[in-house]
Amino acid sequence: MSTTLDAPAQRITPLHAQLIDTIGRQVVSGELPPGTVLRIDQLDERHG
């Protein structure tokens, strides 16, 4: 008999970690050049 305890745990990545990962990829790809000023209102609009 299977129970929910037998199911593998789902990992939920916190929003701030997702945002850091996304920004990191944008910097590495050149989409966000080094020195780019990141404003909270723009981050919220873009990644909400």
Protein backbone atom coordinates (compact mmCIF):
# COMPACT_ATOMS: atom_id res chain seq x y z
CA MET A 1 0.00 0.00 0.00
CA SER A 2 1.37 3.38 -1.00
CA THR A 3 1.02 6.46 1.16
CA THR A 4 2.03 10.05 0.69
CA LEU A 5 5.00 9.35 2.95
CA ASP A 6 6.33 6.96 0.30
CA ALA A 7 6.32 9.64 -2.40
CA PRO A 8 9.59 11.46 -3.10
CA ALA A 9 9.78 14.90 -1.55
CA GLN A 10 9.22 17.73 -3.99
CA ARG A 11 11.74 20.50 -3.76
CA ILE A 12 10.35 23.97 -3.86
CA THR A 13 12.93 26.58 -4.79
CA PRO A 14 12.38 29.89 -2.99
CA LEU A 15 11.60 32.86 -5.22
CA HIS A 16 14.79 34.71 -4.27
CA ALA A 17 16.88 31.69 -5.29
CA GLN A 18 15.05 31.48 -8.62
CA LEU A 19 15.68 35.18 -9.21
CA ILE A 20 19.38 34.92 -8.37
CA ASP A 21 19.71 31.97 -10.76
CA THR A 22 17.92 33.85 -13.54
CA ILE A 23 20.01 37.00 -13.08
CA GLY A 24 23.18 34.92 -13.03
CA ARG A 25 22.28 33.31 -16.35
CA GLN A 26 21.50 36.74 -17.82
CA VAL A 27 24.91 38.06 -16.74
CA VAL A 28 26.75 35.03 -18.12
CA SER A 29 24.88 35.22 -21.44
CA GLY A 30 25.60 38.95 -21.80
CA GLU A 31 21.94 39.92 -21.60
CA LEU A 32 22.82 41.87 -18.44
CA PRO A 33 26.27 43.41 -18.84
CA PRO A 34 28.50 43.71 -15.76
CA GLY A 35 27.73 46.92 -13.87
CA THR A 36 24.06 46.95 -14.84
CA VAL A 37 21.98 48.60 -12.13
CA LEU A 38 19.15 46.32 -11.04
CA ARG A 39 16.17 48.25 -9.69
CA ILE A 40 13.59 46.52 -7.53
CA ASP A 41 10.65 47.94 -9.50
CA GLN A 42 12.13 46.68 -12.78
CA LEU A 43 12.86 43.24 -11.31
CA ASP A 44 9.30 43.06 -10.01
CA GLU A 45 7.89 44.07 -13.39
CA ARG A 46 10.08 41.62 -15.28
CA HIS A 47 10.01 38.63 -12.94
CA GLY A 48 6.98 39.46 -10.77
